[in-house]
Amino acid sequence: MKLSIVIYSMDPETVWNAFRLGVFAVKQGDAVSVFLLAKGVECEKLNTEQFKVVEQMQALVDGGGKILACGTCLKLRNSSGSELCPLSTMKDLYEIIRDSDKVVSF
């Protein structure tokens, strides 16, 4: 299955669980793409003692999943993305959704 996850939340627990789902799906053999949108592009800053968001993000990428971040949303926040969350476009989001079997958003 091709699973797409769109994250626009800034709640550490919500984002952590979204990435946990992605990691689980990758381990099941699914192709997983995560697109960070709006406030979601700031998710690397959400690490807490209880919710290790970046750890889950890295596990997703290490397992073969991919993470993309909205370029316009990053620019609005004076950011340029990162190695873990490269800058992307609405065209990329559209293609991820179009090509997916399932899309979930958090």
PDB file of N, CA and C in Angstrom:
ATOM      1  N   MET A   1       0.848  -1.181   0.000  1.00  0.00           N
ATOM      2  CA  MET A   1       0.000   0.000   0.000  1.00  0.00           C
ATOM      3  C   MET A   1       0.892   1.242   0.000  1.00  0.00           C
ATOM      4  N   LYS A   2       0.410   2.279  -0.637  1.00  0.00           N
ATOM      5  CA  LYS A   2       1.070   3.587  -0.590  1.00  0.00           C
ATOM      6  C   LYS A   2       0.283   4.464   0.370  1.00  0.00           C
ATOM      7  N   LEU A   3       0.922   4.827   1.473  1.00  0.00           N
ATOM      8  CA  LEU A   3       0.287   5.632   2.511  1.00  0.00           C
ATOM      9  C   LEU A   3       0.899   7.023   2.531  1.00  0.00           C
ATOM     10  N   SER A   4       0.046   8.025   2.537  1.00  0.00           N
ATOM     11  CA  SER A   4       0.505   9.404   2.696  1.00  0.00           C
ATOM     12  C   SER A   4      -0.036   9.954   3.998  1.00  0.00           C
ATOM     13  N   ILE A   5       0.830  10.665   4.703  1.00  0.00           N
ATOM     14  CA  ILE A   5       0.459  11.295   5.965  1.00  0.00           C
ATOM     15  C   ILE A   5       0.731  12.784   5.826  1.00  0.00           C
ATOM     16  N   VAL A   6      -0.300  13.590   6.035  1.00  0.00           N
ATOM     17  CA  VAL A   6      -0.155  15.046   5.998  1.00  0.00           C
ATOM     18  C   VAL A   6      -0.225  15.539   7.439  1.00  0.00           C
ATOM     19  N   ILE A   7       0.814  16.240   7.855  1.00  0.00           N
ATOM     20  CA  ILE A   7       0.883  16.730   9.234  1.00  0.00           C
ATOM     21  C   ILE A   7       0.848  18.247   9.224  1.00  0.00           C
ATOM     22  N   TYR A   8      -0.130  18.813   9.936  1.00  0.00           N
ATOM     23  CA  TYR A   8      -0.230  20.270  10.055  1.00  0.00           C
ATOM     24  C   TYR A   8      -0.363  20.700  11.516  1.00  0.00           C
ATOM     25  N   SER A   9      -0.198  19.756  12.427  1.00  0.00           N
ATOM     26  CA  SER A   9      -0.338  20.023  13.862  1.00  0.00           C
ATOM     27  C   SER A   9       0.994  20.458  14.471  1.00  0.00           C
ATOM     28  N   MET A  10       0.899  21.164  15.584  1.00  0.00           N
ATOM     29  CA  MET A  10       2.075  21.513  16.382  1.00  0.00           C
ATOM     30  C   MET A  10       1.998  20.866  17.764  1.00  0.00           C
ATOM     31  N   ASP A  11       1.073  19.932  17.939  1.00  0.00           N
ATOM     32  CA  ASP A  11       0.942  19.231  19.211  1.00  0.00           C
ATOM     33  C   ASP A  11       1.939  18.067  19.237  1.00  0.00           C
ATOM     34  N   PRO A  12       2.884  18.052  20.179  1.00  0.00           N
ATOM     35  CA  PRO A  12       3.909  17.009  20.192  1.00  0.00           C
ATOM     36  C   PRO A  12       3.353  15.584  20.183  1.00  0.00           C
ATOM     37  N   GLU A  13       2.328  15.320  20.976  1.00  0.00           N
ATOM     38  CA  GLU A  13       1.780  13.962  21.032  1.00  0.00           C
ATOM     39  C   GLU A  13       1.154  13.562  19.704  1.00  0.00           C
ATOM     40  N   THR A  14       0.418  14.470  19.085  1.00  0.00           N
ATOM     41  CA  THR A  14      -0.223  14.188  17.802  1.00  0.00           C
ATOM     42  C   THR A  14       0.813  13.899  16.725  1.00  0.00           C
ATOM     43  N   VAL A  15       1.821  14.745  16.637  1.00  0.00           N
ATOM     44  CA  VAL A  15       2.859  14.579  15.615  1.00  0.00           C
ATOM     45  C   VAL A  15       3.661  13.303  15.870  1.00  0.00           C
ATOM     46  N   TRP A  16       3.987  13.035  17.106  1.00  0.00           N
ATOM     47  CA  TRP A  16       4.704  11.814  17.474  1.00  0.00           C
ATOM     48  C   TRP A  16       3.919  10.581  17.030  1.00  0.00           C
ATOM     49  N   ASN A  17       2.610  10.579  17.286  1.00  0.00           N
ATOM     50  CA  ASN A  17       1.778   9.443  16.882  1.00  0.00           C
ATOM     51  C   ASN A  17       1.653   9.330  15.372  1.00  0.00           C
ATOM     52  N   ALA A  18       1.611  10.445  14.674  1.00  0.00           N
ATOM     53  CA  ALA A  18       1.562  10.408  13.208  1.00  0.00           C
ATOM     54  C   ALA A  18       2.808   9.714  12.660  1.00  0.00           C
ATOM     55  N   PHE A  19       3.964  10.079  13.183  1.00  0.00           N
ATOM     56  CA  PHE A  19       5.201   9.437  12.729  1.00  0.00           C
ATOM     57  C   PHE A  19       5.293   7.989  13.191  1.00  0.00           C
ATOM     58  N   ARG A  20       4.764   7.675  14.351  1.00  0.00           N
ATOM     59  CA  ARG A  20       4.735   6.276  14.802  1.00  0.00           C
ATOM     60  C   ARG A  20       3.934   5.425  13.825  1.00  0.00           C
ATOM     61  N   LEU A  21       2.803   5.961  13.355  1.00  0.00           N
ATOM     62  CA  LEU A  21       2.008   5.250  12.355  1.00  0.00           C
ATOM     63  C   LEU A  21       2.835   5.025  11.095  1.00  0.00           C
ATOM     64  N   GLY A  22       3.525   6.057  10.654  1.00  0.00           N
ATOM     65  CA  GLY A  22       4.367   5.925   9.467  1.00  0.00           C
ATOM     66  C   GLY A  22       5.448   4.873   9.631  1.00  0.00           C
ATOM     67  N   VAL A  23       6.102   4.865  10.776  1.00  0.00           N
ATOM     68  CA  VAL A  23       7.150   3.876  11.047  1.00  0.00           C
ATOM     69  C   VAL A  23       6.561   2.467  11.039  1.00  0.00           C
ATOM     70  N   PHE A  24       5.403   2.299  11.662  1.00  0.00           N
ATOM     71  CA  PHE A  24       4.753   0.985  11.678  1.00  0.00           C
ATOM     72  C   PHE A  24       4.423   0.533  10.254  1.00  0.00           C
ATOM     73  N   ALA A  25       3.877   1.446   9.444  1.00  0.00           N
ATOM     74  CA  ALA A  25       3.507   1.103   8.068  1.00  0.00           C
ATOM     75  C   ALA A  25       4.732   0.710   7.241  1.00  0.00           C
ATOM     76  N   VAL A  26       5.826   1.420   7.411  1.00  0.00           N
ATOM     77  CA  VAL A  26       7.063   1.076   6.702  1.00  0.00           C
ATOM     78  C   VAL A  26       7.507  -0.329   7.090  1.00  0.00           C
ATOM     79  N   LYS A  27       7.405  -0.653   8.363  1.00  0.00           N
ATOM     80  CA  LYS A  27       7.798  -1.988   8.827  1.00  0.00           C
ATOM     81  C   LYS A  27       6.892  -3.082   8.270  1.00  0.00           C
ATOM     82  N   GLN A  28       5.667  -2.702   7.872  1.00  0.00           N
ATOM     83  CA  GLN A  28       4.743  -3.657   7.262  1.00  0.00           C
ATOM     84  C   GLN A  28       4.998  -3.807   5.765  1.00  0.00           C
ATOM     85  N   GLY A  29       5.945  -3.032   5.246  1.00  0.00           N
ATOM     86  CA  GLY A  29       6.283  -3.108   3.830  1.00  0.00           C
ATOM     87  C   GLY A  29       5.600  -2.065   2.967  1.00  0.00           C
ATOM     88  N   ASP A  30       4.911  -1.125   3.579  1.00  0.00           N
ATOM     89  CA  ASP A  30       4.221  -0.085   2.816  1.00  0.00           C
ATOM     90  C   ASP A  30       5.173   1.044   2.437  1.00  0.00           C
ATOM     91  N   ALA A  31       4.838   1.730   1.359  1.00  0.00           N
ATOM     92  CA  ALA A  31       5.560   2.940   0.955  1.00  0.00           C
ATOM     93  C   ALA A  31       4.894   4.109   1.675  1.00  0.00           C
ATOM     94  N   VAL A  32       5.672   4.885   2.413  1.00  0.00           N
ATOM     95  CA  VAL A  32       5.110   5.964   3.229  1.00  0.00           C
ATOM     96  C   VAL A  32       5.753   7.295   2.858  1.00  0.00           C
ATOM     97  N   SER A  33       4.893   8.284   2.604  1.00  0.00           N
ATOM     98  CA  SER A  33       5.331   9.659   2.370  1.00  0.00           C
ATOM     99  C   SER A  33       4.643  10.550   3.386  1.00  0.00           C
ATOM    100  N   VAL A  34       5.417  11.437   3.999  1.00  0.00           N
ATOM    101  CA  VAL A  34       4.873  12.406   4.947  1.00  0.00           C
ATOM    102  C   VAL A  34       5.089  13.791   4.361  1.00  0.00           C
ATOM    103  N   PHE A  35       4.030  14.597   4.365  1.00  0.00           N
ATOM    104  CA  PHE A  35       4.140  15.979   3.901  1.00  0.00           C
ATOM    105  C   PHE A  35       3.804  16.886   5.073  1.00  0.00           C
ATOM    106  N   LEU A  36       4.740  17.763   5.404  1.00  0.00           N
ATOM    107  CA  LEU A  36       4.552  18.722   6.496  1.00  0.00           C
ATOM    108  C   LEU A  36       3.986  20.005   5.913  1.00  0.00           C
ATOM    109  N   LEU A  37       2.858  20.440   6.461  1.00  0.00           N
ATOM    110  CA  LEU A  37       2.123  21.574   5.921  1.00  0.00           C
ATOM    111  C   LEU A  37       1.800  22.553   7.042  1.00  0.00           C
ATOM    112  N   ALA A  38       1.753  23.840   6.712  1.00  0.00           N
ATOM    113  CA  ALA A  38       1.412  24.887   7.687  1.00  0.00           C
ATOM    114  C   ALA A  38       2.320  24.766   8.913  1.00  0.00           C
ATOM    115  N   LYS A  39       1.730  24.774  10.109  1.00  0.00           N
ATOM    116  CA  LYS A  39       2.521  24.696  11.341  1.00  0.00           C
ATOM    117  C   LYS A  39       3.312  23.396  11.448  1.00  0.00           C
ATOM    118  N   GLY A  40       2.902  22.391  10.695  1.00  0.00           N
ATOM    119  CA  GLY A  40       3.590  21.106  10.729  1.00  0.00           C
ATOM    120  C   GLY A  40       5.047  21.169  10.317  1.00  0.00           C
ATOM    121  N   VAL A  41       5.423  22.207   9.545  1.00  0.00           N
ATOM    122  CA  VAL A  41       6.823  22.316   9.121  1.00  0.00           C
ATOM    123  C   VAL A  41       7.759  22.575  10.301  1.00  0.00           C
ATOM    124  N   GLU A  42       7.204  22.915  11.452  1.00  0.00           N
ATOM    125  CA  GLU A  42       8.015  23.185  12.637  1.00  0.00           C
ATOM    126  C   GLU A  42       8.167  21.959  13.536  1.00  0.00           C
ATOM    127  N   CYS A  43       7.786  20.783  13.053  1.00  0.00           N
ATOM    128  CA  CYS A  43       7.722  19.603  13.921  1.00  0.00           C
ATOM    129  C   CYS A  43       9.069  19.170  14.484  1.00  0.00           C
ATOM    130  N   GLU A  44      10.173  19.520  13.855  1.00  0.00           N
ATOM    131  CA  GLU A  44      11.475  19.148  14.415  1.00  0.00           C
ATOM    132  C   GLU A  44      11.745  19.846  15.749  1.00  0.00           C
ATOM    133  N   LYS A  45      10.990  20.886  16.044  1.00  0.00           N
ATOM    134  CA  LYS A  45      11.164  21.635  17.293  1.00  0.00           C
ATOM    135  C   LYS A  45      10.284  21.098  18.426  1.00  0.00           C
ATOM    136  N   LEU A  46       9.539  20.026  18.160  1.00  0.00           N
ATOM    137  CA  LEU A  46       8.545  19.541  19.120  1.00  0.00           C
ATOM    138  C   LEU A  46       9.054  18.484  20.091  1.00  0.00           C
ATOM    139  N   ASN A  47      10.317  18.114  20.012  1.00  0.00           N
ATOM    140  CA  ASN A  47      10.845  17.084  20.908  1.00  0.00           C
ATOM    141  C   ASN A  47      10.595  17.429  22.368  1.00  0.00           C
ATOM    142  N   THR A  48      10.084  16.461  23.106  1.00  0.00           N
ATOM    143  CA  THR A  48       9.952  16.582  24.555  1.00  0.00           C
ATOM    144  C   THR A  48      10.511  15.303  25.165  1.00  0.00           C
ATOM    145  N   GLU A  49      10.635  15.279  26.467  1.00  0.00           N
ATOM    146  CA  GLU A  49      11.102  14.075  27.152  1.00  0.00           C
ATOM    147  C   GLU A  49      10.181  12.893  26.846  1.00  0.00           C
ATOM    148  N   GLN A  50       8.884  13.169  26.796  1.00  0.00           N
ATOM    149  CA  GLN A  50       7.891  12.117  26.586  1.00  0.00           C
ATOM    150  C   GLN A  50       7.669  11.795  25.112  1.00  0.00           C
ATOM    151  N   PHE A  51       7.728  12.805  24.248  1.00  0.00           N
ATOM    152  CA  PHE A  51       7.421  12.613  22.829  1.00  0.00           C
ATOM    153  C   PHE A  51       8.640  12.979  21.987  1.00  0.00           C
ATOM    154  N   LYS A  52       9.410  11.959  21.655  1.00  0.00           N
ATOM    155  CA  LYS A  52      10.648  12.147  20.898  1.00  0.00           C
ATOM    156  C   LYS A  52      10.323  12.143  19.395  1.00  0.00           C
ATOM    157  N   VAL A  53       9.838  13.273  18.934  1.00  0.00           N
ATOM    158  CA  VAL A  53       9.359  13.411  17.560  1.00  0.00           C
ATOM    159  C   VAL A  53      10.474  13.158  16.553  1.00  0.00           C
ATOM    160  N   VAL A  54      11.620  13.791  16.725  1.00  0.00           N
ATOM    161  CA  VAL A  54      12.712  13.657  15.751  1.00  0.00           C
ATOM    162  C   VAL A  54      13.199  12.206  15.668  1.00  0.00           C
ATOM    163  N   GLU A  55      13.182  11.506  16.779  1.00  0.00           N
ATOM    164  CA  GLU A  55      13.564  10.089  16.777  1.00  0.00           C
ATOM    165  C   GLU A  55      12.638   9.288  15.864  1.00  0.00           C
ATOM    166  N   GLN A  56      11.340   9.548  15.938  1.00  0.00           N
ATOM    167  CA  GLN A  56      10.379   8.858  15.071  1.00  0.00           C
ATOM    168  C   GLN A  56      10.552   9.283  13.610  1.00  0.00           C
ATOM    169  N   MET A  57      10.834  10.567  13.397  1.00  0.00           N
ATOM    170  CA  MET A  57      11.067  11.044  12.030  1.00  0.00           C
ATOM    171  C   MET A  57      12.259  10.315  11.416  1.00  0.00           C
ATOM    172  N   GLN A  58      13.338  10.214  12.169  1.00  0.00           N
ATOM    173  CA  GLN A  58      14.539   9.543  11.673  1.00  0.00           C
ATOM    174  C   GLN A  58      14.275   8.064  11.427  1.00  0.00           C
ATOM    175  N   ALA A  59      13.503   7.429  12.300  1.00  0.00           N
ATOM    176  CA  ALA A  59      13.161   6.012  12.121  1.00  0.00           C
ATOM    177  C   ALA A  59      12.372   5.808  10.833  1.00  0.00           C
ATOM    178  N   LEU A  60      11.489   6.744  10.519  1.00  0.00           N
ATOM    179  CA  LEU A  60      10.716   6.653   9.276  1.00  0.00           C
ATOM    180  C   LEU A  60      11.644   6.719   8.071  1.00  0.00           C
ATOM    181  N   VAL A  61      12.522   7.700   8.055  1.00  0.00           N
ATOM    182  CA  VAL A  61      13.447   7.864   6.930  1.00  0.00           C
ATOM    183  C   VAL A  61      14.407   6.673   6.842  1.00  0.00           C
ATOM    184  N   ASP A  62      14.914   6.226   7.974  1.00  0.00           N
ATOM    185  CA  ASP A  62      15.823   5.076   7.987  1.00  0.00           C
ATOM    186  C   ASP A  62      15.146   3.817   7.465  1.00  0.00           C
ATOM    187  N   GLY A  63      13.827   3.722   7.642  1.00  0.00           N
ATOM    188  CA  GLY A  63      13.076   2.566   7.172  1.00  0.00           C
ATOM    189  C   GLY A  63      12.667   2.655   5.710  1.00  0.00           C
ATOM    190  N   GLY A  64      12.975   3.774   5.061  1.00  0.00           N
ATOM    191  CA  GLY A  64      12.652   3.918   3.643  1.00  0.00           C
ATOM    192  C   GLY A  64      11.533   4.892   3.347  1.00  0.00           C
ATOM    193  N   GLY A  65      10.933   5.481   4.380  1.00  0.00           N
ATOM    194  CA  GLY A  65       9.899   6.486   4.156  1.00  0.00           C
ATOM    195  C   GLY A  65      10.516   7.813   3.761  1.00  0.00           C
ATOM    196  N   LYS A  66       9.666   8.725   3.299  1.00  0.00           N
ATOM    197  CA  LYS A  66      10.197  10.043   2.948  1.00  0.00           C
ATOM    198  C   LYS A  66       9.367  11.136   3.601  1.00  0.00           C
ATOM    199  N   ILE A  67      10.037  12.232   3.892  1.00  0.00           N
ATOM    200  CA  ILE A  67       9.404  13.397   4.505  1.00  0.00           C
ATOM    201  C   ILE A  67       9.687  14.599   3.620  1.00  0.00           C
ATOM    202  N   LEU A  68       8.645  15.352   3.319  1.00  0.00           N
ATOM    203  CA  LEU A  68       8.776  16.591   2.552  1.00  0.00           C
ATOM    204  C   LEU A  68       8.097  17.707   3.331  1.00  0.00           C
ATOM    205  N   ALA A  69       8.600  18.923   3.181  1.00  0.00           N
ATOM    206  CA  ALA A  69       8.035  20.070   3.896  1.00  0.00           C
ATOM    207  C   ALA A  69       7.639  21.160   2.908  1.00  0.00           C
ATOM    208  N   CYS A  70       6.485  21.760   3.125  1.00  0.00           N
ATOM    209  CA  CYS A  70       5.964  22.827   2.274  1.00  0.00           C
ATOM    210  C   CYS A  70       6.949  23.999   2.230  1.00  0.00           C
ATOM    211  N   GLY A  71       7.448  24.300   1.047  1.00  0.00           N
ATOM    212  CA  GLY A  71       8.411  25.384   0.892  1.00  0.00           C
ATOM    213  C   GLY A  71       7.852  26.744   1.251  1.00  0.00           C
ATOM    214  N   THR A  72       6.624  27.024   0.839  1.00  0.00           N
ATOM    215  CA  THR A  72       5.998  28.308   1.160  1.00  0.00           C
ATOM    216  C   THR A  72       5.824  28.452   2.665  1.00  0.00           C
ATOM    217  N   CYS A  73       5.396  27.381   3.315  1.00  0.00           N
ATOM    218  CA  CYS A  73       5.205  27.404   4.771  1.00  0.00           C
ATOM    219  C   CYS A  73       6.533  27.632   5.488  1.00  0.00           C
ATOM    220  N   LEU A  74       7.595  27.027   4.971  1.00  0.00           N
ATOM    221  CA  LEU A  74       8.919  27.236   5.555  1.00  0.00           C
ATOM    222  C   LEU A  74       9.370  28.681   5.377  1.00  0.00           C
ATOM    223  N   LYS A  75       9.184  29.214   4.178  1.00  0.00           N
ATOM    224  CA  LYS A  75       9.604  30.592   3.896  1.00  0.00           C
ATOM    225  C   LYS A  75       8.866  31.588   4.777  1.00  0.00           C
ATOM    226  N   LEU A  76       7.582  31.341   5.039  1.00  0.00           N
ATOM    227  CA  LEU A  76       6.814  32.211   5.931  1.00  0.00           C
ATOM    228  C   LEU A  76       7.419  32.245   7.332  1.00  0.00           C
ATOM    229  N   ARG A  77       8.146  31.189   7.677  1.00  0.00           N
ATOM    230  CA  ARG A  77       8.766  31.077   8.998  1.00  0.00           C
ATOM    231  C   ARG A  77      10.272  31.345   8.937  1.00  0.00           C
ATOM    232  N   ASN A  78      10.723  31.924   7.817  1.00  0.00           N
ATOM    233  CA  ASN A  78      12.148  32.224   7.611  1.00  0.00           C
ATOM    234  C   ASN A  78      13.028  30.996   7.798  1.00  0.00           C
ATOM    235  N   SER A  79      12.568  29.883   7.253  1.00  0.00           N
ATOM    236  CA  SER A  79      13.302  28.630   7.340  1.00  0.00           C
ATOM    237  C   SER A  79      13.500  28.079   5.933  1.00  0.00           C
ATOM    238  N   SER A  80      14.484  27.214   5.788  1.00  0.00           N
ATOM    239  CA  SER A  80      14.747  26.636   4.471  1.00  0.00           C
ATOM    240  C   SER A  80      14.674  25.116   4.481  1.00  0.00           C
ATOM    241  N   GLY A  81      14.125  24.546   5.527  1.00  0.00           N
ATOM    242  CA  GLY A  81      14.046  23.104   5.619  1.00  0.00           C
ATOM    243  C   GLY A  81      15.307  22.534   6.232  1.00  0.00           C
ATOM    244  N   SER A  82      15.436  21.221   6.149  1.00  0.00           N
ATOM    245  CA  SER A  82      16.596  20.541   6.721  1.00  0.00           C
ATOM    246  C   SER A  82      16.865  19.281   5.918  1.00  0.00           C
ATOM    247  N   GLU A  83      17.922  18.595   6.275  1.00  0.00           N
ATOM    248  CA  GLU A  83      18.231  17.341   5.597  1.00  0.00           C
ATOM    249  C   GLU A  83      17.108  16.328   5.821  1.00  0.00           C
ATOM    250  N   LEU A  84      16.546  16.330   7.013  1.00  0.00           N
ATOM    251  CA  LEU A  84      15.466  15.404   7.353  1.00  0.00           C
ATOM    252  C   LEU A  84      14.148  15.810   6.699  1.00  0.00           C
ATOM    253  N   CYS A  85      13.919  17.117   6.546  1.00  0.00           N
ATOM    254  CA  CYS A  85      12.671  17.652   5.987  1.00  0.00           C
ATOM    255  C   CYS A  85      12.984  18.629   4.854  1.00  0.00           C
ATOM    256  N   PRO A  86      13.302  18.122   3.673  1.00  0.00           N
ATOM    257  CA  PRO A  86      13.662  19.024   2.581  1.00  0.00           C
ATOM    258  C   PRO A  86      12.476  19.840   2.068  1.00  0.00           C
ATOM    259  N   LEU A  87      12.795  21.000   1.547  1.00  0.00           N
ATOM    260  CA  LEU A  87      11.818  21.913   0.973  1.00  0.00           C
ATOM    261  C   LEU A  87      11.098  21.246  -0.194  1.00  0.00           C
ATOM    262  N   SER A  88       9.794  21.461  -0.287  1.00  0.00           N
ATOM    263  CA  SER A  88       8.985  20.840  -1.322  1.00  0.00           C
ATOM    264  C   SER A  88       7.935  21.828  -1.813  1.00  0.00           C
ATOM    265  N   THR A  89       7.033  21.363  -2.678  1.00  0.00           N
ATOM    266  CA  THR A  89       6.051  22.246  -3.309  1.00  0.00           C
ATOM    267  C   THR A  89       4.638  21.670  -3.232  1.00  0.00           C
ATOM    268  N   MET A  90       3.664  22.505  -3.573  1.00  0.00           N
ATOM    269  CA  MET A  90       2.274  22.044  -3.662  1.00  0.00           C
ATOM    270  C   MET A  90       2.146  20.967  -4.728  1.00  0.00           C
ATOM    271  N   LYS A  91       2.932  21.074  -5.783  1.00  0.00           N
ATOM    272  CA  LYS A  91       2.917  20.048  -6.833  1.00  0.00           C
ATOM    273  C   LYS A  91       3.302  18.698  -6.233  1.00  0.00           C
ATOM    274  N   ASP A  92       4.318  18.694  -5.376  1.00  0.00           N
ATOM    275  CA  ASP A  92       4.724  17.446  -4.722  1.00  0.00           C
ATOM    276  C   ASP A  92       3.608  16.899  -3.836  1.00  0.00           C
ATOM    277  N   LEU A  93       2.954  17.776  -3.077  1.00  0.00           N
ATOM    278  CA  LEU A  93       1.839  17.344  -2.231  1.00  0.00           C
ATOM    279  C   LEU A  93       0.732  16.745  -3.088  1.00  0.00           C
ATOM    280  N   TYR A  94       0.395  17.422  -4.168  1.00  0.00           N
ATOM    281  CA  TYR A  94      -0.639  16.921  -5.075  1.00  0.00           C
ATOM    282  C   TYR A  94      -0.275  15.525  -5.589  1.00  0.00           C
ATOM    283  N   GLU A  95       0.958  15.353  -6.041  1.00  0.00           N
ATOM    284  CA  GLU A  95       1.378  14.065  -6.595  1.00  0.00           C
ATOM    285  C   GLU A  95       1.381  12.966  -5.536  1.00  0.00           C
ATOM    286  N   ILE A  96       1.785  13.308  -4.329  1.00  0.00           N
ATOM    287  CA  ILE A  96       1.762  12.325  -3.242  1.00  0.00           C
ATOM    288  C   ILE A  96       0.330  11.859  -2.991  1.00  0.00           C
ATOM    289  N   ILE A  97      -0.598  12.801  -2.932  1.00  0.00           N
ATOM    290  CA  ILE A  97      -2.003  12.455  -2.697  1.00  0.00           C
ATOM    291  C   ILE A  97      -2.567  11.661  -3.869  1.00  0.00           C
ATOM    292  N   ARG A  98      -2.298  12.130  -5.083  1.00  0.00           N
ATOM    293  CA  ARG A  98      -2.808  11.465  -6.280  1.00  0.00           C
ATOM    294  C   ARG A  98      -2.343  10.014  -6.360  1.00  0.00           C
ATOM    295  N   ASP A  99      -1.103   9.774  -6.014  1.00  0.00           N
ATOM    296  CA  ASP A  99      -0.522   8.446  -6.182  1.00  0.00           C
ATOM    297  C   ASP A  99      -0.726   7.515  -4.985  1.00  0.00           C
ATOM    298  N   SER A 100      -1.365   7.992  -3.935  1.00  0.00           N
ATOM    299  CA  SER A 100      -1.529   7.198  -2.715  1.00  0.00           C
ATOM    300  C   SER A 100      -2.786   6.337  -2.741  1.00  0.00           C
ATOM    301  N   ASP A 101      -2.707   5.235  -2.019  1.00  0.00           N
ATOM    302  CA  ASP A 101      -3.895   4.412  -1.803  1.00  0.00           C
ATOM    303  C   ASP A 101      -4.716   4.964  -0.641  1.00  0.00           C
ATOM    304  N   LYS A 102      -4.032   5.489   0.364  1.00  0.00           N
ATOM    305  CA  LYS A 102      -4.687   6.059   1.551  1.00  0.00           C
ATOM    306  C   LYS A 102      -3.964   7.337   1.939  1.00  0.00           C
ATOM    307  N   VAL A 103      -4.740   8.324   2.401  1.00  0.00           N
ATOM    308  CA  VAL A 103      -4.182   9.576   2.906  1.00  0.00           C
ATOM    309  C   VAL A 103      -4.808   9.851   4.265  1.00  0.00           C
ATOM    310  N   VAL A 104      -3.965  10.120   5.256  1.00  0.00           N
ATOM    311  CA  VAL A 104      -4.457  10.504   6.577  1.00  0.00           C
ATOM    312  C   VAL A 104      -3.810  11.829   6.952  1.00  0.00           C
ATOM    313  N   SER A 105      -4.507  12.599   7.762  1.00  0.00           N
ATOM    314  CA  SER A 105      -3.944  13.892   8.170  1.00  0.00           C
ATOM    315  C   SER A 105      -4.025  14.044   9.681  1.00  0.00           C
ATOM    316  N   PHE A 106      -3.049  14.737  10.203  1.00  0.00           N
ATOM    317  CA  PHE A 106      -2.939  14.965  11.643  1.00  0.00           C
ATOM    318  C   PHE A 106      -2.716  16.441  11.888  1.00  0.00           C
TER     319      PHE A 106
END
